[in-house]
């Protein structure tokens, strides 16, 4: 549990109450907008009513609005078009609604610069793609994010993106198969993120002035570099590819003269193993994610680790390391039986990772498996600021935890969940990490009041995560004393 939770909960409740009070005028306006026109005798009052509504909207100086409330589509008419520049809506609580009405309400918000429309989960039905006709009329819109479930077919989306939109940043994270996209008329677009299960269809055209591109796909086939002609994007500076590609395409990335930062991602061991030895041929490679699934083949894991070890400019690594099953010859002196048996062997992962001296962020994803104490090798990574080692058990242990805390002086985030910390003697060393802002100790026994009070020296520590197993002997009074001491320490600085 995150300590000081009661205070955070109280603050959240107060914030919600304040938000509700601030939204009362807007809710009233929304209700007014939904009233049917009065009968003929009262028709003379309608202009007065509309004038009052407009005056109320002008008095509401709302710049940014974020909501996921039920009935939210009906509230949009109440938002002040003269001041609103940022709108973020999640329609998870809304059932079917009119695309034409939503288009009209969005088009009215003529000063919008940032817009996010999503429906990640909740009631059936998606956002109607016909509402994009209204978005197309927002001439000041520079940032657009479309996510989640949409309905109404691919054609409205295809036609919308083919227009000369004023967008500078576009993010598509849609739960639908994408049509062939032509973004070449978006002449101001500098940043593009597309997260699509089946990837971007071959034949799609991207604007050549792009400087930042991120592509995420769960497809196991294709080659995004070749299919989307990425080598034509000579102004590209930042490239993230979590999508299938060939080794030859990786090598071709060196032709992008402006490229400074490359991030690659893999969700299958075989896909990573096929190109692992080409990673070193991408000098701009700064981030790498390799989630190997239930990999148990020694050849795959060994090749992947060799490829990672050769990436001498990496600053961020996310990795799953599995123990592998190997066949070994077994000879029993007490028996005449000899033969080959399958044994589980831990790969020497950390000795390979210790070569990555530029690494700042390391996450060994659960359920990774290391040999006992293997994390001790990571003490060579003196530039690390964020090691996430949760779940590694004996692969870390008390000795390695002590050594890491003593050697890695720049740590800001330290995750030691389920790391077999024993008596937690490592807390004495951790207490000297003055830059630490988050510490996670869940599922380790041995936390005592004395050990806890050592951490009061960490004046920049707003987040400390423990659980009952980590501190069975620590009372609520001890926690209160701890946080009071931390606050006193902060004031002293």
Protein backbone atom coordinates (compact mmCIF):
# COMPACT_ATOMS: atom_id res chain seq x y z
CA UNK A 1 0.00 0.00 0.00
CA UNK A 2 1.13 3.54 -0.62
CA UNK A 3 1.46 5.31 2.70
CA UNK A 4 -0.26 8.66 3.29
CA UNK A 5 -3.16 7.16 1.36
CA UNK A 6 -5.72 8.65 3.75
CA UNK A 7 -4.47 12.16 3.06
CA UNK A 8 -4.52 11.56 -0.70
CA UNK A 9 -8.05 10.16 -0.51
CA UNK A 10 -9.25 13.23 1.39
CA UNK A 11 -7.61 15.52 -1.15
CA UNK A 12 -9.30 13.62 -4.01
CA UNK A 13 -12.69 13.91 -2.34
CA UNK A 14 -12.23 17.67 -1.89
CA UNK A 15 -11.19 18.04 -5.51
CA UNK A 16 -14.26 16.15 -6.71
CA UNK A 17 -16.52 18.36 -4.60
CA UNK A 18 -14.89 21.50 -5.99
CA UNK A 19 -15.19 20.19 -9.55
CA UNK A 20 -18.86 19.43 -9.04
CA UNK A 21 -19.47 22.97 -7.75
CA UNK A 22 -17.65 24.51 -10.70
CA UNK A 23 -19.61 22.40 -13.16
CA UNK A 24 -23.03 23.28 -11.79
CA UNK A 25 -23.44 26.29 -14.12
CA UNK A 26 -22.40 24.20 -17.11
CA UNK A 27 -24.78 21.39 -16.14
CA UNK A 28 -27.59 23.93 -15.80
CA UNK A 29 -26.77 25.30 -19.24
CA UNK A 30 -26.78 21.79 -20.69
CA UNK A 31 -30.20 21.15 -19.18
CA UNK A 32 -31.45 24.47 -20.57
CA UNK A 33 -30.12 23.62 -24.02
CA UNK A 34 -32.10 20.39 -23.96
CA UNK A 35 -35.47 22.04 -23.20
CA UNK A 36 -37.96 21.83 -26.05
CA UNK A 37 -39.03 25.17 -27.62
CA UNK A 38 -41.89 26.74 -25.66
CA UNK A 39 -45.42 26.96 -26.96
CA UNK A 40 -46.46 29.84 -29.23
CA UNK A 41 -47.60 32.21 -26.45
CA UNK A 42 -44.17 32.07 -24.81
CA UNK A 43 -42.16 32.20 -28.04
CA UNK A 44 -41.27 35.82 -27.41
CA UNK A 45 -39.09 34.70 -24.44
CA UNK A 46 -36.83 32.40 -26.50
CA UNK A 47 -34.40 35.13 -27.70
CA UNK A 48 -34.07 36.34 -24.11
CA UNK A 49 -33.32 32.79 -22.96
CA UNK A 50 -30.65 32.32 -25.62
CA UNK A 51 -29.11 35.70 -24.79
CA UNK A 52 -28.91 34.78 -21.11
CA UNK A 53 -27.32 31.45 -22.01
CA UNK A 54 -24.67 33.16 -24.17
CA UNK A 55 -23.90 35.65 -21.40
CA UNK A 56 -23.44 32.82 -18.91
CA UNK A 57 -21.10 31.01 -21.29
CA UNK A 58 -18.99 34.14 -21.80
CA UNK A 59 -18.65 34.55 -18.05
CA UNK A 60 -17.25 31.00 -17.75
CA UNK A 61 -13.52 31.36 -18.51
CA UNK A 62 -12.86 27.66 -19.01
CA UNK A 63 -9.59 26.83 -20.80
CA UNK A 64 -9.37 23.05 -20.36
CA UNK A 65 -12.10 20.46 -19.85
CA UNK A 66 -11.76 16.71 -19.22
CA UNK A 67 -14.76 14.45 -18.63
CA UNK A 68 -16.04 10.88 -18.76
CA UNK A 69 -19.50 11.47 -17.28
CA UNK A 70 -22.69 9.69 -18.40
CA UNK A 71 -24.66 11.88 -20.78
CA UNK A 72 -21.54 13.82 -21.63
CA UNK A 73 -22.47 14.42 -25.30
CA UNK A 74 -25.37 16.58 -24.10
CA UNK A 75 -23.02 18.75 -22.02
CA UNK A 76 -20.87 19.93 -24.92
CA UNK A 77 -23.30 22.68 -25.90
CA UNK A 78 -22.68 24.29 -22.50
CA UNK A 79 -18.92 24.65 -22.92
CA UNK A 80 -17.63 28.18 -23.62
CA UNK A 81 -16.31 28.34 -27.18
CA UNK A 82 -14.56 31.68 -26.62
CA UNK A 83 -12.07 30.37 -24.03
CA UNK A 84 -11.83 26.58 -24.36
CA UNK A 85 -8.56 25.46 -25.97
CA UNK A 86 -8.19 21.90 -24.65
CA UNK A 87 -10.88 19.20 -24.58
CA UNK A 88 -10.43 15.58 -23.47
CA UNK A 89 -13.46 13.26 -23.58
CA UNK A 90 -13.86 9.57 -22.78
CA UNK A 91 -17.27 8.24 -23.84
CA UNK A 92 -17.03 4.96 -21.90
CA UNK A 93 -20.23 5.74 -19.96
CA UNK A 94 -22.21 6.86 -23.02
CA UNK A 95 -24.33 4.55 -25.15
CA UNK A 96 -25.23 5.30 -28.76
CA UNK A 97 -25.44 8.99 -29.61
CA UNK A 98 -25.78 11.16 -32.70
CA UNK A 99 -22.67 11.65 -34.79
CA UNK A 100 -24.21 14.70 -36.46
CA UNK A 101 -24.99 16.32 -33.10
CA UNK A 102 -21.49 15.61 -31.82
CA UNK A 103 -20.00 17.04 -35.03
CA UNK A 104 -22.01 20.25 -34.62
CA UNK A 105 -21.06 20.63 -30.95
CA UNK A 106 -17.36 20.12 -31.71
CA UNK A 107 -17.38 22.51 -34.68
CA UNK A 108 -18.78 25.24 -32.41
CA UNK A 109 -15.65 25.08 -30.21
CA UNK A 110 -13.67 27.10 -32.72
CA UNK A 111 -10.73 27.93 -30.42
CA UNK A 112 -9.80 24.33 -29.65
CA UNK A 113 -6.11 23.60 -30.03
CA UNK A 114 -5.96 20.16 -28.38
CA UNK A 115 -8.66 17.50 -28.67
CA UNK A 116 -8.82 13.91 -27.42
CA UNK A 117 -11.79 11.63 -28.20
CA UNK A 118 -11.75 8.07 -26.90
CA UNK A 119 -13.98 5.23 -25.78
CA UNK A 120 -11.83 2.56 -24.21
CA UNK A 121 -14.52 0.43 -22.57
CA UNK A 122 -17.97 0.58 -21.03
CA UNK A 123 -21.35 0.60 -22.72
CA UNK A 124 -21.84 -0.91 -26.16
CA UNK A 125 -21.34 1.18 -29.26
CA UNK A 126 -18.43 3.30 -30.39
CA UNK A 127 -17.84 6.92 -31.27
CA UNK A 128 -19.42 7.60 -34.69
CA UNK A 129 -16.75 8.44 -37.27
CA UNK A 130 -19.19 10.93 -38.81
CA UNK A 131 -18.35 13.34 -35.96
CA UNK A 132 -14.99 13.92 -37.66
CA UNK A 133 -16.78 16.31 -40.04
CA UNK A 134 -17.03 18.69 -37.09
CA UNK A 135 -13.39 18.17 -36.10
CA UNK A 136 -12.34 19.08 -39.66
CA UNK A 137 -13.80 22.58 -39.15
CA UNK A 138 -11.50 23.36 -36.19
CA UNK A 139 -8.96 25.56 -37.95
CA UNK A 140 -6.81 26.13 -34.84
CA UNK A 141 -6.52 22.47 -33.86
CA UNK A 142 -2.87 21.44 -33.56
CA UNK A 143 -3.05 18.27 -31.40
CA UNK A 144 -5.56 15.46 -32.03
CA UNK A 145 -5.86 12.07 -30.33
CA UNK A 146 -8.44 9.46 -31.40
CA UNK A 147 -8.66 6.24 -29.38
CA UNK A 148 -10.70 3.23 -28.41
CA UNK A 149 -13.85 1.94 -30.07
CA UNK A 150 -15.34 3.74 -33.07
CA UNK A 151 -18.22 2.89 -35.39
CA UNK A 152 -19.46 4.03 -38.77
CA UNK A 153 -16.89 2.44 -41.06
CA UNK A 154 -13.44 3.31 -42.34
CA UNK A 155 -14.41 5.77 -45.08
CA UNK A 156 -15.14 8.84 -42.87
CA UNK A 157 -11.78 8.36 -41.13
CA UNK A 158 -9.99 7.93 -44.44
CA UNK A 159 -11.62 11.05 -45.92
CA UNK A 160 -10.97 13.09 -42.78
CA UNK A 161 -7.24 12.33 -42.72
CA UNK A 162 -6.92 13.05 -46.45
CA UNK A 163 -7.87 16.71 -45.85
CA UNK A 164 -5.33 19.53 -45.41
CA UNK A 165 -5.69 19.55 -41.63
CA UNK A 166 -3.78 22.10 -39.49
CA UNK A 167 -2.52 19.35 -37.16
CA UNK A 168 1.01 19.32 -35.78
CA UNK A 169 0.57 16.19 -33.63
CA UNK A 170 -1.72 13.23 -34.41
CA UNK A 171 -2.28 10.10 -32.32
CA UNK A 172 -4.40 7.17 -33.54
CA UNK A 173 -5.02 4.33 -31.09
CA UNK A 174 -8.17 2.84 -32.58
CA UNK A 175 -9.85 -0.50 -31.99
CA UNK A 176 -10.66 -0.86 -35.68
CA UNK A 177 -8.76 -2.02 -38.74
CA UNK A 178 -7.30 1.06 -40.37
CA UNK A 179 -7.97 1.98 -43.99
CA UNK A 180 -5.14 2.94 -46.33
CA UNK A 181 -4.09 6.36 -45.07
CA UNK A 182 -2.94 9.38 -47.06
CA UNK A 183 -1.59 12.03 -44.71
CA UNK A 184 0.47 13.90 -47.28
CA UNK A 185 -1.86 16.94 -47.26
CA UNK A 186 -1.26 17.48 -43.53
CA UNK A 187 1.62 19.82 -44.32
CA UNK A 188 2.14 20.99 -40.72
CA UNK A 189 2.24 17.52 -39.15
CA UNK A 190 5.46 16.95 -37.21
CA UNK A 191 4.55 14.11 -34.84
CA UNK A 192 2.56 10.94 -35.63
CA UNK A 193 1.69 7.99 -33.37
CA UNK A 194 -0.29 5.03 -34.71
CA UNK A 195 -1.16 2.08 -32.47
CA UNK A 196 -3.13 -0.43 -34.55
CA UNK A 197 -3.47 -4.16 -33.90
CA UNK A 198 -3.08 -5.04 -37.59
CA UNK A 199 -0.63 -2.25 -38.32
CA UNK A 200 -0.76 0.47 -40.96
CA UNK A 201 -1.90 -0.91 -44.33
CA UNK A 202 0.68 -1.15 -47.08
CA UNK A 203 0.28 1.70 -49.53
CA UNK A 204 -0.36 4.32 -46.87
CA UNK A 205 1.45 7.62 -47.42
CA UNK A 206 3.08 9.67 -44.67
CA UNK A 207 4.05 13.35 -44.87
CA UNK A 208 7.74 13.78 -45.60
CA UNK A 209 8.19 16.60 -43.08
CA UNK A 210 7.57 14.25 -40.12
CA UNK A 211 10.09 14.64 -37.31
CA UNK A 212 8.69 12.10 -34.85
CA UNK A 213 7.03 8.77 -35.73
CA UNK A 214 5.79 5.98 -33.47
CA UNK A 215 4.25 2.79 -34.89
CA UNK A 216 2.87 -0.02 -32.71
CA UNK A 217 1.39 -3.24 -34.09
CA UNK A 218 0.61 -6.72 -32.78
CA UNK A 219 0.88 -8.27 -36.22
CA UNK A 220 3.64 -10.85 -36.65
CA UNK A 221 4.05 -10.25 -40.39
CA UNK A 222 5.23 -7.45 -42.64
CA UNK A 223 7.99 -4.87 -42.62
CA UNK A 224 6.88 -1.36 -41.72
CA UNK A 225 10.16 0.24 -42.84
CA UNK A 226 9.75 -1.03 -46.40
CA UNK A 227 5.95 -0.95 -46.70
CA UNK A 228 5.62 2.68 -45.53
CA UNK A 229 8.78 3.86 -47.31
CA UNK A 230 10.17 5.32 -44.11
CA UNK A 231 13.51 6.03 -45.75
CA UNK A 232 11.85 8.94 -47.57
CA UNK A 233 11.29 10.73 -44.24
CA UNK A 234 14.62 12.53 -44.23
CA UNK A 235 13.56 15.03 -41.54
CA UNK A 236 12.77 12.24 -39.06
CA UNK A 237 14.56 12.69 -35.72
CA UNK A 238 12.72 10.32 -33.36
CA UNK A 239 11.52 6.86 -34.48
CA UNK A 240 9.75 4.24 -32.36
CA UNK A 241 8.92 0.91 -34.00
CA UNK A 242 7.05 -1.75 -32.05
CA UNK A 243 6.15 -3.61 -35.20
CA UNK A 244 7.62 -6.36 -37.44
CA UNK A 245 10.66 -5.49 -39.54
CA UNK A 246 13.53 -7.27 -41.24
CA UNK A 247 17.19 -7.10 -40.31
CA UNK A 248 18.01 -5.45 -43.65
CA UNK A 249 15.47 -2.70 -42.94
CA UNK A 250 17.08 -1.99 -39.57
CA UNK A 251 20.43 -1.53 -41.25
CA UNK A 252 18.85 0.85 -43.79
CA UNK A 253 17.82 3.24 -40.99
CA UNK A 254 21.36 4.62 -41.10
CA UNK A 255 20.31 6.38 -44.33
CA UNK A 256 18.06 8.76 -42.33
CA UNK A 257 20.53 11.60 -41.86
CA UNK A 258 18.50 13.55 -39.25
CA UNK A 259 17.67 10.53 -37.09
CA UNK A 260 18.82 10.93 -33.48
CA UNK A 261 16.70 8.56 -31.38
CA UNK A 262 15.47 5.05 -32.23
CA UNK A 263 13.32 2.88 -29.97
CA UNK A 264 12.54 -0.73 -30.94
CA UNK A 265 10.03 -3.12 -29.39
CA UNK A 266 9.40 -6.87 -29.68
CA UNK A 267 6.71 -9.04 -28.12
CA UNK A 268 7.91 -12.44 -29.34
CA UNK A 269 11.27 -14.13 -28.74
CA UNK A 270 11.56 -15.43 -32.31
CA UNK A 271 10.98 -11.99 -33.86
CA UNK A 272 13.63 -10.48 -31.58
CA UNK A 273 16.11 -13.31 -32.14
CA UNK A 274 15.91 -12.96 -35.93
CA UNK A 275 17.17 -9.35 -35.86
CA UNK A 276 19.08 -9.19 -32.55
CA UNK A 277 22.54 -9.13 -34.13
CA UNK A 278 21.48 -6.16 -36.29
CA UNK A 279 20.65 -3.91 -33.33
CA UNK A 280 24.30 -2.89 -32.99
CA UNK A 281 24.18 -1.60 -36.60
CA UNK A 282 21.70 1.13 -35.57
CA UNK A 283 23.93 3.71 -33.83
CA UNK A 284 20.90 5.84 -32.88
CA UNK A 285 19.30 2.99 -30.90
CA UNK A 286 18.51 4.39 -27.44
CA UNK A 287 15.55 2.30 -26.24
CA UNK A 288 14.83 -1.40 -26.55
CA UNK A 289 11.90 -3.49 -25.34
CA UNK A 290 12.09 -7.29 -25.60
CA UNK A 291 9.20 -9.19 -24.04
CA UNK A 292 10.02 -12.77 -24.92
CA UNK A 293 6.82 -14.47 -23.78
CA UNK A 294 7.34 -18.03 -22.52
CA UNK A 295 10.68 -18.39 -24.26
CA UNK A 296 12.48 -21.56 -23.22
CA UNK A 297 14.93 -22.09 -26.09
CA UNK A 298 18.54 -21.45 -25.16
CA UNK A 299 19.47 -20.34 -28.68
CA UNK A 300 16.83 -17.60 -28.73
CA UNK A 301 17.69 -16.19 -25.31
CA UNK A 302 21.44 -16.37 -25.90
CA UNK A 303 21.21 -14.52 -29.24
CA UNK A 304 18.94 -11.86 -27.74
CA UNK A 305 21.35 -11.24 -24.85
CA UNK A 306 24.32 -11.04 -27.22
CA UNK A 307 22.46 -8.51 -29.35
CA UNK A 308 21.57 -6.40 -26.32
CA UNK A 309 25.13 -6.50 -24.99
CA UNK A 310 26.40 -4.97 -28.24
CA UNK A 311 24.07 -1.93 -28.02
CA UNK A 312 26.54 0.43 -26.39
CA UNK A 313 24.35 3.56 -26.62
CA UNK A 314 21.20 2.24 -24.92
CA UNK A 315 19.64 4.45 -22.25
CA UNK A 316 16.44 2.46 -21.63
CA UNK A 317 15.86 -1.31 -21.64
CA UNK A 318 12.76 -3.38 -20.90
CA UNK A 319 13.49 -7.11 -20.89
CA UNK A 320 12.04 -10.46 -19.91
CA UNK A 321 14.66 -13.08 -19.05
CA UNK A 322 13.51 -16.67 -18.75
CA UNK A 323 15.31 -19.73 -17.52
CA UNK A 324 15.82 -22.13 -20.43
CA UNK A 325 15.46 -25.88 -20.73
CA UNK A 326 18.63 -27.60 -21.93
CA UNK A 327 19.50 -31.23 -22.46
CA UNK A 328 22.46 -32.39 -20.39
CA UNK A 329 24.27 -35.70 -20.05
CA UNK A 330 23.61 -37.29 -16.68
CA UNK A 331 25.85 -39.89 -15.10
CA UNK A 332 25.00 -41.37 -11.70
CA UNK A 333 27.95 -43.06 -10.00
CA UNK A 334 25.58 -45.16 -7.90
CA UNK A 335 23.71 -46.46 -10.89
CA UNK A 336 24.53 -48.13 -14.15
CA UNK A 337 21.95 -45.93 -15.91
CA UNK A 338 23.31 -43.06 -17.96
CA UNK A 339 21.50 -40.74 -20.34
CA UNK A 340 20.43 -37.22 -21.23
CA UNK A 341 18.04 -35.28 -19.03
CA UNK A 342 16.37 -31.88 -19.38
CA UNK A 343 17.51 -29.30 -16.85
CA UNK A 344 16.49 -25.71 -16.14
CA UNK A 345 19.39 -23.29 -16.58
CA UNK A 346 19.46 -19.58 -15.73
CA UNK A 347 21.04 -17.41 -18.40
CA UNK A 348 23.88 -15.10 -17.23
CA UNK A 349 21.78 -12.08 -18.16
CA UNK A 350 23.19 -9.44 -15.81
CA UNK A 351 26.80 -10.05 -16.80
CA UNK A 352 25.75 -9.16 -20.35
CA UNK A 353 23.70 -6.16 -19.23
CA UNK A 354 26.63 -4.84 -17.18
CA UNK A 355 28.24 -3.78 -20.47
CA UNK A 356 25.54 -1.15 -21.04
CA UNK A 357 27.25 1.64 -19.14
CA UNK A 358 25.02 4.37 -20.65
CA UNK A 359 21.85 2.70 -19.34
CA UNK A 360 19.64 4.92 -17.18
CA UNK A 361 16.34 3.01 -17.07
CA UNK A 362 16.27 -0.78 -16.65
CA UNK A 363 13.11 -2.83 -16.21
CA UNK A 364 13.36 -6.62 -15.92
CA UNK A 365 9.73 -7.51 -16.50
CA UNK A 366 8.00 -10.10 -14.36
CA UNK A 367 8.09 -13.07 -14.56
CA UNK A 368 11.79 -12.86 -15.33
CA UNK A 369 14.15 -15.37 -13.74
CA UNK A 370 17.78 -14.80 -12.78
CA UNK A 371 20.44 -16.98 -11.21
CA UNK A 372 20.87 -16.41 -7.48
CA UNK A 373 22.51 -13.05 -6.81
CA UNK A 374 22.97 -12.32 -10.53
CA UNK A 375 21.77 -8.72 -10.03
CA UNK A 376 25.07 -8.03 -8.25
CA UNK A 377 26.57 -7.55 -11.73
CA UNK A 378 24.39 -4.47 -12.24
CA UNK A 379 26.56 -2.42 -9.87
CA UNK A 380 28.63 -1.53 -12.96
CA UNK A 381 25.72 0.54 -14.31
CA UNK A 382 26.55 3.71 -12.42
CA UNK A 383 24.31 5.89 -14.64
CA UNK A 384 21.15 4.01 -13.64
CA UNK A 385 18.38 6.20 -12.22
CA UNK A 386 15.49 3.72 -12.44
CA UNK A 387 16.08 -0.02 -11.90
CA UNK A 388 12.83 -2.01 -11.77
CA UNK A 389 13.76 -5.43 -10.35
CA UNK A 390 10.45 -6.44 -8.78
CA UNK A 391 9.74 -10.16 -8.70
CA UNK A 392 13.31 -11.38 -9.21
CA UNK A 393 13.49 -13.03 -5.78
CA UNK A 394 16.83 -14.69 -5.12
CA UNK A 395 18.12 -13.19 -8.36
CA UNK A 396 18.55 -10.01 -6.29
CA UNK A 397 18.72 -10.97 -2.61
CA UNK A 398 20.03 -9.01 0.36
CA UNK A 399 23.67 -8.84 -0.71
CA UNK A 400 22.96 -7.52 -4.22
CA UNK A 401 20.41 -5.01 -2.89
CA UNK A 402 23.05 -3.61 -0.51
CA UNK A 403 25.64 -3.43 -3.27
CA UNK A 404 23.27 -1.70 -5.69
CA UNK A 405 22.29 0.93 -3.13
CA UNK A 406 25.96 1.61 -2.36
CA UNK A 407 27.09 1.79 -6.00
CA UNK A 408 24.24 3.51 -7.85
CA UNK A 409 24.27 7.03 -6.44
CA UNK A 410 21.89 8.58 -9.00
CA UNK A 411 18.85 6.43 -8.22
CA UNK A 412 15.48 8.19 -8.28
CA UNK A 413 13.18 5.17 -8.53
CA UNK A 414 13.98 1.78 -6.96
CA UNK A 415 11.67 -1.22 -7.25
CA UNK A 416 12.65 -4.16 -5.01
CA UNK A 417 9.32 -5.98 -4.71
CA UNK A 418 9.64 -9.74 -4.05
CA UNK A 419 13.43 -9.56 -4.00
CA UNK A 420 14.23 -11.74 -0.95
CA UNK A 421 15.65 -8.83 1.03
CA UNK A 422 15.93 -10.84 4.24
CA UNK A 423 16.53 -8.56 7.22
CA UNK A 424 16.37 -5.49 4.95
CA UNK A 425 19.84 -4.38 5.97
CA UNK A 426 19.92 -2.65 2.58
CA UNK A 427 17.77 0.16 4.04
CA UNK A 428 20.84 1.66 5.70
CA UNK A 429 22.44 2.14 2.28
CA UNK A 430 19.18 3.18 0.61
CA UNK A 431 18.79 5.92 3.23
CA UNK A 432 21.77 7.73 1.67
CA UNK A 433 20.14 7.98 -1.79
CA UNK A 434 19.07 11.59 -1.41
CA UNK A 435 17.60 11.85 -4.93
CA UNK A 436 15.22 8.92 -4.43
CA UNK A 437 11.56 9.84 -5.13
CA UNK A 438 9.95 6.38 -5.19
CA UNK A 439 10.79 3.18 -3.29
CA UNK A 440 8.86 -0.09 -3.61
CA UNK A 441 9.36 -2.83 -1.00
CA UNK A 442 6.18 -4.90 -1.25
CA UNK A 443 6.28 -8.65 -0.55
CA UNK A 444 9.52 -8.59 1.45
CA UNK A 445 9.55 -9.57 5.11
CA UNK A 446 11.85 -7.97 7.65
CA UNK A 447 10.85 -4.31 7.70
CA UNK A 448 11.11 -3.00 11.28
CA UNK A 449 10.36 0.33 12.89
CA UNK A 450 14.09 0.95 13.25
CA UNK A 451 14.67 0.23 9.55
CA UNK A 452 11.74 2.41 8.58
CA UNK A 453 13.06 5.38 10.55
CA UNK A 454 16.35 5.15 8.65
CA UNK A 455 14.41 6.25 5.56
CA UNK A 456 13.41 9.55 7.15
CA UNK A 457 16.66 10.93 5.74
CA UNK A 458 15.09 10.74 2.26
CA UNK A 459 13.68 14.25 2.13
CA UNK A 460 12.57 13.91 -1.53
CA UNK A 461 10.64 10.66 -1.06
CA UNK A 462 6.89 11.23 -1.69
CA UNK A 463 6.13 7.56 -2.50
CA UNK A 464 6.99 4.56 -0.34
CA UNK A 465 5.15 1.34 -1.15
CA UNK A 466 5.01 -1.51 1.35
CA UNK A 467 2.47 -4.11 2.45
CA UNK A 468 1.58 -6.06 5.58
CA UNK A 469 4.17 -8.73 4.88
CA UNK A 470 6.91 -6.09 4.74
CA UNK A 471 6.08 -4.55 8.08
CA UNK A 472 3.94 -6.74 10.33
CA UNK A 473 5.40 -5.17 13.46
CA UNK A 474 4.90 -1.56 12.35
CA UNK A 475 1.87 0.16 13.83
CA UNK A 476 -0.12 3.03 12.39
CA UNK A 477 1.49 5.27 15.01
CA UNK A 478 4.92 4.29 13.70
CA UNK A 479 3.86 5.22 10.16
CA UNK A 480 2.52 8.56 11.36
CA UNK A 481 5.81 9.21 13.16
CA UNK A 482 7.73 8.29 10.01
CA UNK A 483 5.86 10.67 7.69
CA UNK A 484 6.01 13.46 10.28
CA UNK A 485 9.79 13.03 10.40
CA UNK A 486 9.98 13.08 6.58
CA UNK A 487 8.01 16.33 6.43
CA UNK A 488 10.28 17.87 9.05
CA UNK A 489 13.29 16.81 7.02
CA UNK A 490 11.82 18.43 3.89
CA UNK A 491 11.24 21.72 5.68
CA UNK A 492 14.84 21.66 6.89
CA UNK A 493 15.99 21.73 3.27
